[in-house]
Amino acid sequence: MRNFTVLILLVTLFSQTSIQGQNIKQNEFLYTLTAMVNSDSLAQTIQDLEAFVSRHSYNPNHAQVAPYIRERLENYGCEIEIDTFPYTISSSGITTEQYNVIGKIYGNTDNPPILIGAHHDSCCRIDSSPGADDNASGTAAVIEAARVFSQSGHIPRRTVYFCTWAAEEQGLNGSKNFARKLRQNGINLELAINLDMIANNDLNYFRVVMESSAEITSQALDFAALNENLSIILGESTGNSDHA
């Protein structure tokens, strides 16, 4: 399984920071971080998530997914917050507790934080919905980005949130709940990256469909030019997907 090329964008966007005690040019830093991306690590995370058989929000085992992700992020030096919120199953009226996992690597300034997230629940069957593509792929990239950050010794200027969302397939419930919490606490994000169904194309077909602000899009295009195999496709704005 190849490296997730999309991580080039992630770690590069994060690379506009300082490394304590080092003076590394930005492009050199980019190559250092992307070289640390490990396809075996990504594959193992996806296989672990598939092993839950179904991560559907209605499945009683949904409460077991968050501890697995929490342990992985803790091992990579993240401070963990479990963002618990109620979700009512429409068909039965039963209210369940759902669990977002929020990992944090703190920056050395008070500049607004950056968030990288993906939903860890799956669709659409309670008995069998392994969700390797949708969305163990995105969740694995979030965990891998945390590993790369931790093991690189990188000290970011901005705090970075590594988040996985619950009950997202039923209406973006997890990300909405955390967004409300950020707003209530007066926390503004400098950048949010959401990953859904990534790296699922042919091995020779490296492209990223991107929808973002003009500033971030411009940066992404510049960084993509450093990798001759990667192309950026500028998508049209839409409101009916997980990144919304």
Protein backbone atom coordinates (compact mmCIF):
# COMPACT_ATOMS: atom_id res chain seq x y z
CA MET A 1 0.00 0.00 0.00
CA ARG A 2 1.52 3.30 -1.07
CA ASN A 3 2.06 6.33 1.12
CA PHE A 4 -0.93 8.66 1.31
CA THR A 5 0.24 11.42 -0.99
CA VAL A 6 -2.33 13.79 0.52
CA LEU A 7 -0.16 13.96 3.64
CA ILE A 8 2.27 16.06 1.60
CA LEU A 9 -0.31 18.81 1.76
CA LEU A 10 -1.00 18.31 5.44
CA VAL A 11 2.52 18.37 6.76
CA THR A 12 3.47 21.18 4.40
CA LEU A 13 0.68 23.40 5.60
CA PHE A 14 1.82 22.68 9.13
CA SER A 15 5.45 23.34 8.24
CA GLN A 16 5.07 27.11 8.37
CA THR A 17 6.30 26.92 11.93
CA SER A 18 9.50 26.94 13.90
CA ILE A 19 11.71 24.00 14.83
CA GLN A 20 13.45 24.63 18.11
CA GLY A 21 17.23 24.69 17.87
CA GLN A 22 17.23 24.10 14.10
CA ASN A 23 17.33 26.23 11.00
CA ILE A 24 15.80 24.18 8.21
CA LYS A 25 14.54 25.54 4.92
CA GLN A 26 10.88 24.95 4.39
CA ASN A 27 11.23 22.60 1.42
CA GLU A 28 13.84 20.51 3.22
CA PHE A 29 11.53 20.28 6.19
CA LEU A 30 8.71 19.16 3.89
CA TYR A 31 10.79 16.32 2.49
CA THR A 32 11.90 15.31 5.99
CA LEU A 33 8.33 14.97 7.20
CA THR A 34 6.90 13.24 4.14
CA ALA A 35 9.75 10.74 4.15
CA MET A 36 8.54 9.68 7.60
CA VAL A 37 5.09 8.69 6.32
CA ASN A 38 4.90 4.91 6.61
CA SER A 39 2.54 2.87 4.43
CA ASP A 40 2.68 -0.09 6.80
CA SER A 41 1.57 2.13 9.67
CA LEU A 42 -1.35 3.45 7.60
CA ALA A 43 -2.36 -0.04 6.49
CA GLN A 44 -2.29 -1.37 10.04
CA THR A 45 -4.57 1.40 11.28
CA ILE A 46 -7.07 0.69 8.52
CA GLN A 47 -6.98 -3.03 9.28
CA ASP A 48 -7.49 -2.35 12.99
CA LEU A 49 -10.52 -0.19 12.24
CA GLU A 50 -11.93 -2.76 9.81
CA ALA A 51 -11.65 -5.36 12.56
CA PHE A 52 -14.53 -3.68 14.42
CA VAL A 53 -16.68 -5.18 11.59
CA SER A 54 -19.05 -2.21 11.82
CA ARG A 55 -18.37 1.22 13.29
CA HIS A 56 -21.95 2.33 12.66
CA SER A 57 -23.18 4.82 15.27
CA TYR A 58 -26.10 2.52 16.15
CA ASN A 59 -23.82 -0.45 16.82
CA PRO A 60 -23.19 -0.95 20.56
CA ASN A 61 -19.49 -1.35 19.79
CA HIS A 62 -19.24 2.32 18.77
CA ALA A 63 -18.07 3.00 22.32
CA GLN A 64 -15.03 0.77 21.72
CA VAL A 65 -13.72 2.74 18.76
CA ALA A 66 -12.81 5.90 20.67
CA PRO A 67 -10.53 4.12 23.21
CA TYR A 68 -8.55 2.56 20.36
CA ILE A 69 -8.00 5.94 18.69
CA ARG A 70 -7.31 7.58 22.04
CA GLU A 71 -4.54 5.09 22.81
CA ARG A 72 -2.93 5.59 19.41
CA LEU A 73 -2.89 9.38 19.73
CA GLU A 74 -1.68 9.24 23.35
CA ASN A 75 1.22 7.09 22.22
CA TYR A 76 2.20 9.93 19.90
CA GLY A 77 2.30 12.53 22.64
CA CYS A 78 -1.15 14.04 22.19
CA GLU A 79 -3.10 15.40 25.11
CA ILE A 80 -6.53 13.79 24.78
CA GLU A 81 -10.02 15.13 25.22
CA ILE A 82 -13.03 12.85 24.72
CA ASP A 83 -15.80 15.09 23.46
CA THR A 84 -18.97 13.28 24.52
CA PHE A 85 -22.36 14.26 23.14
CA PRO A 86 -25.87 12.72 23.02
CA TYR A 87 -27.32 11.38 19.81
CA THR A 88 -30.90 10.11 19.49
CA ILE A 89 -31.53 7.23 17.09
CA SER A 90 -34.43 8.36 14.95
CA SER A 91 -35.90 4.90 14.35
CA SER A 92 -36.11 3.93 18.02
CA GLY A 93 -35.99 7.20 19.93
CA ILE A 94 -33.14 5.80 22.04
CA THR A 95 -30.51 8.34 23.04
CA THR A 96 -26.92 7.16 22.93
CA GLU A 97 -23.63 8.73 23.94
CA GLN A 98 -21.19 9.35 21.11
CA TYR A 99 -17.49 10.08 21.44
CA ASN A 100 -15.28 12.40 19.44
CA VAL A 101 -11.57 11.94 20.05
CA ILE A 102 -9.59 15.18 20.23
CA GLY A 103 -5.80 14.95 20.35
CA LYS A 104 -3.72 18.10 20.87
CA ILE A 105 -0.07 18.89 20.28
CA TYR A 106 0.53 22.31 21.77
CA GLY A 107 2.30 25.10 19.94
CA ASN A 108 4.72 27.59 21.43
CA THR A 109 2.56 30.65 20.74
CA ASP A 110 -1.03 31.70 21.33
CA ASN A 111 -1.76 31.94 17.60
CA PRO A 112 -5.09 30.39 16.55
CA PRO A 113 -4.87 26.59 16.27
CA ILE A 114 -5.02 24.30 13.25
CA LEU A 115 -7.33 21.29 13.06
CA ILE A 116 -7.06 18.10 11.02
CA GLY A 117 -10.05 15.77 11.30
CA ALA A 118 -11.87 12.78 9.88
CA HIS A 119 -14.93 10.79 10.91
CA HIS A 120 -14.32 7.36 12.40
CA ASP A 121 -17.87 6.00 12.17
CA SER A 122 -19.02 4.00 9.15
CA CYS A 123 -22.13 3.58 7.05
CA CYS A 124 -24.54 1.95 6.44
CA ARG A 125 -25.12 -1.39 8.19
CA ILE A 126 -25.01 -2.16 11.88
CA ASP A 127 -23.97 -5.79 11.37
CA SER A 128 -21.31 -5.32 8.68
CA SER A 129 -19.83 -1.97 7.70
CA PRO A 130 -16.01 -2.16 7.94
CA GLY A 131 -15.59 1.22 6.20
CA ALA A 132 -11.99 0.90 5.01
CA ASP A 133 -12.49 3.65 2.46
CA ASP A 134 -15.22 5.62 4.24
CA ASN A 135 -13.59 6.53 6.46
CA ALA A 136 -10.82 4.46 7.99
CA SER A 137 -8.65 6.01 5.25
CA GLY A 138 -9.11 9.53 6.56
CA THR A 139 -8.84 8.45 10.20
CA ALA A 140 -5.57 6.65 9.46
CA ALA A 141 -4.16 9.82 7.90
CA VAL A 142 -5.04 11.86 11.00
CA ILE A 143 -3.29 9.33 13.25
CA GLU A 144 -0.30 9.11 10.90
CA ALA A 145 0.05 12.90 10.85
CA ALA A 146 0.14 12.87 14.66
CA ARG A 147 2.82 10.17 14.59
CA VAL A 148 4.95 12.11 12.12
CA PHE A 149 4.66 15.30 14.16
CA SER A 150 5.50 13.52 17.40
CA GLN A 151 8.47 11.55 16.13
CA SER A 152 9.95 14.42 14.13
CA GLY A 153 10.50 16.53 17.24
CA HIS A 154 8.60 19.32 15.52
CA ILE A 155 7.44 22.12 17.81
CA PRO A 156 4.69 24.02 15.98
CA ARG A 157 3.94 27.68 16.52
CA ARG A 158 0.24 26.86 16.53
CA THR A 159 -1.48 24.19 18.56
CA VAL A 160 -2.61 21.35 16.29
CA TYR A 161 -5.82 19.41 16.93
CA PHE A 162 -5.96 15.82 15.62
CA CYS A 163 -9.65 14.92 15.68
CA THR A 164 -11.86 11.98 14.78
CA TRP A 165 -15.62 12.44 14.70
CA ALA A 166 -18.48 10.18 15.80
CA ALA A 167 -22.03 9.94 14.38
CA GLU A 168 -20.96 11.89 11.32
CA GLU A 169 -22.85 9.73 8.84
CA GLN A 170 -26.16 10.71 10.45
CA GLY A 171 -25.72 14.41 9.81
CA LEU A 172 -22.20 15.61 10.69
CA ASN A 173 -23.10 15.41 14.37
CA GLY A 174 -19.63 14.95 15.79
CA SER A 175 -17.93 17.83 14.00
CA LYS A 176 -20.89 20.13 14.64
CA ASN A 177 -20.74 19.37 18.35
CA PHE A 178 -17.04 20.21 18.57
CA ALA A 179 -17.47 23.33 16.42
CA ARG A 180 -20.12 24.56 18.88
CA LYS A 181 -17.75 23.91 21.77
CA LEU A 182 -14.96 25.88 20.09
CA ARG A 183 -17.32 28.77 19.49
CA GLN A 184 -18.61 28.73 23.07
CA ASN A 185 -15.01 28.86 24.32
CA GLY A 186 -14.09 31.68 21.95
CA ILE A 187 -11.55 29.59 20.02
CA ASN A 188 -11.05 30.53 16.38
CA LEU A 189 -9.31 28.13 14.03
CA GLU A 190 -6.70 29.35 11.58
CA LEU A 191 -7.27 26.32 9.36
CA ALA A 192 -9.38 23.15 9.38
CA ILE A 193 -8.59 20.19 7.13
CA ASN A 194 -11.18 17.41 6.84
CA LEU A 195 -10.26 14.09 5.24
CA ASP A 196 -12.83 11.74 3.79
CA MET A 197 -12.33 8.74 1.48
CA ILE A 198 -8.72 9.50 0.57
CA ALA A 199 -6.07 7.64 -1.45
CA ASN A 200 -8.56 5.25 -3.00
CA ASN A 201 -7.58 5.71 -6.64
CA ASP A 202 -5.27 3.86 -8.99
CA LEU A 203 -1.64 3.77 -7.88
CA ASN A 204 -0.57 5.99 -10.76
CA TYR A 205 -3.34 8.52 -10.29
CA PHE A 206 -2.26 11.04 -7.67
CA ARG A 207 -4.67 13.91 -7.39
CA VAL A 208 -6.29 15.86 -4.58
CA VAL A 209 -9.69 17.49 -5.04
CA MET A 210 -9.58 20.61 -2.93
CA GLU A 211 -12.13 23.15 -1.82
CA SER A 212 -10.80 25.91 0.40
CA SER A 213 -10.10 29.60 0.74
CA ALA A 214 -8.12 31.39 -1.96
CA GLU A 215 -5.11 31.78 0.35
CA ILE A 216 -4.90 28.12 1.33
CA THR A 217 -5.58 26.98 -2.24
CA SER A 218 -2.68 29.11 -3.47
CA GLN A 219 -0.35 27.59 -0.88
CA ALA A 220 -1.50 24.07 -1.70
CA LEU A 221 -0.82 24.60 -5.40
CA ASP A 222 2.69 25.85 -4.62
CA PHE A 223 3.46 22.88 -2.40
CA ALA A 224 1.96 20.39 -4.84
CA ALA A 225 4.38 21.68 -7.47
CA LEU A 226 7.21 20.21 -5.36
CA ASN A 227 5.88 16.73 -6.19
CA GLU A 228 5.69 16.06 -9.92
CA ASN A 229 3.24 13.17 -9.39
CA LEU A 230 0.64 15.18 -7.48
CA SER A 231 -2.01 17.35 -9.07
CA ILE A 232 -4.58 19.58 -7.38
CA ILE A 233 -8.13 19.61 -8.73
CA LEU A 234 -10.05 22.68 -7.65
CA GLY A 235 -13.52 21.43 -6.75
CA GLU A 236 -16.73 23.39 -6.86
CA SER A 237 -18.23 24.33 -3.52
CA THR A 238 -20.82 21.91 -2.18
CA GLY A 239 -22.68 21.48 1.07
CA ASN A 240 -23.59 17.81 0.93
CA SER A 241 -20.35 16.15 1.97
CA ASP A 242 -18.41 15.54 5.17
CA HIS A 243 -16.10 18.51 4.65
CA ALA A 244 -19.07 20.90 4.77
